[in-house]
Amino acid sequence: MKKWFIIIGIAVLIVIIVVAAIILPPTWSKTSFEAVVQESATEQGGITSITALKITEVYGDPLCALHISESTKILDENGDKISVRDIQPEYTVKVTIKNSSVEGNPMYYPTVFEIKVIKRD
C-alpha cells in the first residue's frame, strides 16, 4: 500500500513538471541589455537591423547589430507598439535577445525578441 502511494506521488510530480515545461516560456535562453542607438533601421538583402552601442552587459566591443524580424516587438516608453522606423539615433533602448550571437565587428545578434525605448534624446 505504501509502495503505491510513492509510485503515484512520483507520477504526479512528473506530470506537474512536464506540464510546467510545456506551459511556461523558456526564459533561460533570454538576456537583456541597455543600448544607445547609433544608426536607425537599415535594410540590406531583405534583413532589417539597427546598430547600437551597449551600455550594460558589455563584455568586449560594445558596438552591436540587432536583427529585426517580423516577430520582434518594438515598443515605446509606455509599452505601445511602434514601427522600427520610429527608433532614432541617440535613443536609449532595452533590448531582449536570445542568449547567442555571431562573432564579428560589430557583434551580431540574430534573434531579437523585443526593443523597448527607455529614453528619447
C-alpha atoms as a PDB file:
ATOM      1  CA  MET A   1       0.000   0.000   0.000  1.00  0.00           C
ATOM      2  CA  LYS A   2       2.778   2.405   0.961  1.00  0.00           C
ATOM      3  CA  LYS A   3       4.626   1.489  -2.231  1.00  0.00           C
ATOM      4  CA  TRP A   4       1.615   2.572  -4.353  1.00  0.00           C
ATOM      5  CA  PHE A   5       1.475   5.976  -2.656  1.00  0.00           C
ATOM      6  CA  ILE A   6       5.132   6.552  -3.504  1.00  0.00           C
ATOM      7  CA  ILE A   7       4.612   5.477  -7.137  1.00  0.00           C
ATOM      8  CA  ILE A   8       1.509   7.662  -7.514  1.00  0.00           C
ATOM      9  CA  GLY A   9       3.310  10.604  -5.875  1.00  0.00           C
ATOM     10  CA  ILE A  10       6.254  10.289  -8.264  1.00  0.00           C
ATOM     11  CA  ALA A  11       3.904  10.003 -11.264  1.00  0.00           C
ATOM     12  CA  VAL A  12       2.003  13.147 -10.206  1.00  0.00           C
ATOM     13  CA  LEU A  13       5.284  15.020  -9.724  1.00  0.00           C
ATOM     14  CA  ILE A  14       6.462  14.014 -13.215  1.00  0.00           C
ATOM     15  CA  VAL A  15       3.157  15.144 -14.743  1.00  0.00           C
ATOM     16  CA  ILE A  16       3.428  18.528 -12.965  1.00  0.00           C
ATOM     17  CA  ILE A  17       6.988  19.019 -14.226  1.00  0.00           C
ATOM     18  CA  VAL A  18       6.051  18.107 -17.816  1.00  0.00           C
ATOM     19  CA  VAL A  19       3.004  20.408 -17.803  1.00  0.00           C
ATOM     20  CA  ALA A  20       5.074  23.285 -16.354  1.00  0.00           C
ATOM     21  CA  ALA A  21       7.760  22.775 -19.019  1.00  0.00           C
ATOM     22  CA  ILE A  22       5.140  22.958 -21.768  1.00  0.00           C
ATOM     23  CA  ILE A  23       3.148  25.901 -20.398  1.00  0.00           C
ATOM     24  CA  LEU A  24       5.911  28.184 -19.088  1.00  0.00           C
ATOM     25  CA  PRO A  25       8.003  30.053 -21.690  1.00  0.00           C
ATOM     26  CA  PRO A  26      11.724  29.268 -21.672  1.00  0.00           C
ATOM     27  CA  THR A  27      13.412  32.357 -20.219  1.00  0.00           C
ATOM     28  CA  TRP A  28      16.763  30.699 -19.631  1.00  0.00           C
ATOM     29  CA  SER A  29      17.791  31.462 -23.209  1.00  0.00           C
ATOM     30  CA  LYS A  30      16.913  35.172 -22.986  1.00  0.00           C
ATOM     31  CA  THR A  31      19.061  38.055 -21.832  1.00  0.00           C
ATOM     32  CA  SER A  32      18.679  41.796 -22.000  1.00  0.00           C
ATOM     33  CA  PHE A  33      20.826  44.897 -22.021  1.00  0.00           C
ATOM     34  CA  GLU A  34      20.509  48.641 -22.493  1.00  0.00           C
ATOM     35  CA  ALA A  35      21.987  50.349 -25.534  1.00  0.00           C
ATOM     36  CA  VAL A  36      22.112  53.688 -27.297  1.00  0.00           C
ATOM     37  CA  VAL A  37      21.011  53.525 -30.934  1.00  0.00           C
ATOM     38  CA  GLN A  38      23.836  54.601 -33.248  1.00  0.00           C
ATOM     39  CA  GLU A  39      22.187  54.046 -36.608  1.00  0.00           C
ATOM     40  CA  SER A  40      18.456  53.780 -37.240  1.00  0.00           C
ATOM     41  CA  ALA A  41      16.963  50.835 -39.108  1.00  0.00           C
ATOM     42  CA  THR A  42      18.741  49.867 -42.304  1.00  0.00           C
ATOM     43  CA  GLU A  43      17.859  47.133 -44.749  1.00  0.00           C
ATOM     44  CA  GLN A  44      20.357  45.046 -46.694  1.00  0.00           C
ATOM     45  CA  GLY A  45      19.405  41.952 -48.634  1.00  0.00           C
ATOM     46  CA  GLY A  46      15.969  41.847 -47.030  1.00  0.00           C
ATOM     47  CA  ILE A  47      17.396  41.945 -43.496  1.00  0.00           C
ATOM     48  CA  THR A  48      16.496  44.894 -41.254  1.00  0.00           C
ATOM     49  CA  SER A  49      18.926  45.790 -38.487  1.00  0.00           C
ATOM     50  CA  ILE A  50      19.729  48.541 -36.005  1.00  0.00           C
ATOM     51  CA  THR A  51      23.261  49.401 -34.918  1.00  0.00           C
ATOM     52  CA  ALA A  52      23.572  50.187 -31.203  1.00  0.00           C
ATOM     53  CA  LEU A  53      26.190  50.763 -28.533  1.00  0.00           C
ATOM     54  CA  LYS A  54      25.677  48.582 -25.443  1.00  0.00           C
ATOM     55  CA  ILE A  55      25.817  50.464 -22.137  1.00  0.00           C
ATOM     56  CA  THR A  56      25.098  47.491 -19.846  1.00  0.00           C
ATOM     57  CA  GLU A  57      26.282  43.871 -20.054  1.00  0.00           C
ATOM     58  CA  VAL A  58      29.385  44.926 -22.011  1.00  0.00           C
ATOM     59  CA  TYR A  59      31.958  42.126 -22.361  1.00  0.00           C
ATOM     60  CA  GLY A  60      34.195  43.421 -25.125  1.00  0.00           C
ATOM     61  CA  ASP A  61      33.344  45.718 -28.006  1.00  0.00           C
ATOM     62  CA  PRO A  62      30.035  47.415 -27.102  1.00  0.00           C
ATOM     63  CA  LEU A  63      29.015  48.030 -30.738  1.00  0.00           C
ATOM     64  CA  CYS A  64      26.365  45.571 -31.901  1.00  0.00           C
ATOM     65  CA  ALA A  65      23.966  44.943 -34.779  1.00  0.00           C
ATOM     66  CA  LEU A  66      20.418  43.854 -33.915  1.00  0.00           C
ATOM     67  CA  HIS A  67      18.481  41.778 -36.437  1.00  0.00           C
ATOM     68  CA  ILE A  68      14.848  42.908 -36.555  1.00  0.00           C
ATOM     69  CA  SER A  69      12.393  40.225 -37.686  1.00  0.00           C
ATOM     70  CA  GLU A  70       8.624  40.211 -38.077  1.00  0.00           C
ATOM     71  CA  SER A  71       8.322  38.694 -34.605  1.00  0.00           C
ATOM     72  CA  THR A  72      10.442  41.380 -32.894  1.00  0.00           C
ATOM     73  CA  LYS A  73       8.270  43.540 -30.620  1.00  0.00           C
ATOM     74  CA  ILE A  74       9.118  47.237 -30.913  1.00  0.00           C
ATOM     75  CA  LEU A  75       7.686  49.304 -28.025  1.00  0.00           C
ATOM     76  CA  ASP A  76       7.749  52.923 -26.892  1.00  0.00           C
ATOM     77  CA  GLU A  77       8.241  54.078 -23.278  1.00  0.00           C
ATOM     78  CA  ASN A  78       4.597  53.284 -22.461  1.00  0.00           C
ATOM     79  CA  GLY A  79       4.726  49.756 -23.881  1.00  0.00           C
ATOM     80  CA  ASP A  80       2.737  50.691 -27.006  1.00  0.00           C
ATOM     81  CA  LYS A  81       3.770  49.132 -30.324  1.00  0.00           C
ATOM     82  CA  ILE A  82       5.710  51.365 -32.695  1.00  0.00           C
ATOM     83  CA  SER A  83       7.491  50.883 -36.006  1.00  0.00           C
ATOM     84  CA  VAL A  84      11.186  50.094 -36.196  1.00  0.00           C
ATOM     85  CA  ARG A  85      11.446  53.291 -38.280  1.00  0.00           C
ATOM     86  CA  ASP A  86      10.364  55.281 -35.178  1.00  0.00           C
ATOM     87  CA  ILE A  87      13.587  54.360 -33.366  1.00  0.00           C
ATOM     88  CA  GLN A  88      16.123  57.109 -33.992  1.00  0.00           C
ATOM     89  CA  PRO A  89      19.833  57.563 -33.220  1.00  0.00           C
ATOM     90  CA  GLU A  90      20.595  58.565 -29.619  1.00  0.00           C
ATOM     91  CA  TYR A  91      17.503  56.777 -28.247  1.00  0.00           C
ATOM     92  CA  THR A  92      18.281  54.614 -25.229  1.00  0.00           C
ATOM     93  CA  VAL A  93      16.611  51.210 -25.582  1.00  0.00           C
ATOM     94  CA  LYS A  94      16.274  47.995 -23.616  1.00  0.00           C
ATOM     95  CA  VAL A  95      16.978  45.030 -25.880  1.00  0.00           C
ATOM     96  CA  THR A  96      15.856  41.470 -25.109  1.00  0.00           C
ATOM     97  CA  ILE A  97      17.647  38.853 -27.196  1.00  0.00           C
ATOM     98  CA  LYS A  98      18.240  35.134 -27.440  1.00  0.00           C
ATOM     99  CA  ASN A  99      21.405  34.471 -25.491  1.00  0.00           C
ATOM    100  CA  SER A 100      23.514  33.878 -28.595  1.00  0.00           C
ATOM    101  CA  SER A 101      25.471  35.997 -31.020  1.00  0.00           C
ATOM    102  CA  VAL A 102      27.570  35.808 -34.150  1.00  0.00           C
ATOM    103  CA  GLU A 103      31.170  36.962 -33.826  1.00  0.00           C
ATOM    104  CA  GLY A 104      32.046  39.902 -35.996  1.00  0.00           C
ATOM    105  CA  ASN A 105      32.566  43.605 -35.984  1.00  0.00           C
ATOM    106  CA  PRO A 106      30.046  44.724 -34.873  1.00  0.00           C
ATOM    107  CA  MET A 107      28.746  41.803 -32.792  1.00  0.00           C
ATOM    108  CA  TYR A 108      25.587  40.480 -34.488  1.00  0.00           C
ATOM    109  CA  TYR A 109      22.517  39.324 -32.561  1.00  0.00           C
ATOM    110  CA  PRO A 110      20.326  37.293 -34.951  1.00  0.00           C
ATOM    111  CA  THR A 111      17.341  36.798 -32.611  1.00  0.00           C
ATOM    112  CA  VAL A 112      15.910  39.958 -31.040  1.00  0.00           C
ATOM    113  CA  PHE A 113      12.676  39.372 -29.099  1.00  0.00           C
ATOM    114  CA  GLU A 114      11.974  42.951 -28.043  1.00  0.00           C
ATOM    115  CA  ILE A 115      13.275  46.506 -28.275  1.00  0.00           C
ATOM    116  CA  LYS A 116      11.748  48.991 -25.854  1.00  0.00           C
ATOM    117  CA  VAL A 117      12.521  52.709 -25.928  1.00  0.00           C
ATOM    118  CA  ILE A 118      13.646  53.878 -22.481  1.00  0.00           C
ATOM    119  CA  LYS A 119      14.636  57.447 -23.259  1.00  0.00           C
ATOM    120  CA  ARG A 120      14.479  59.688 -26.312  1.00  0.00           C
ATOM    121  CA  ASP A 121      17.397  62.125 -26.619  1.00  0.00           C
END
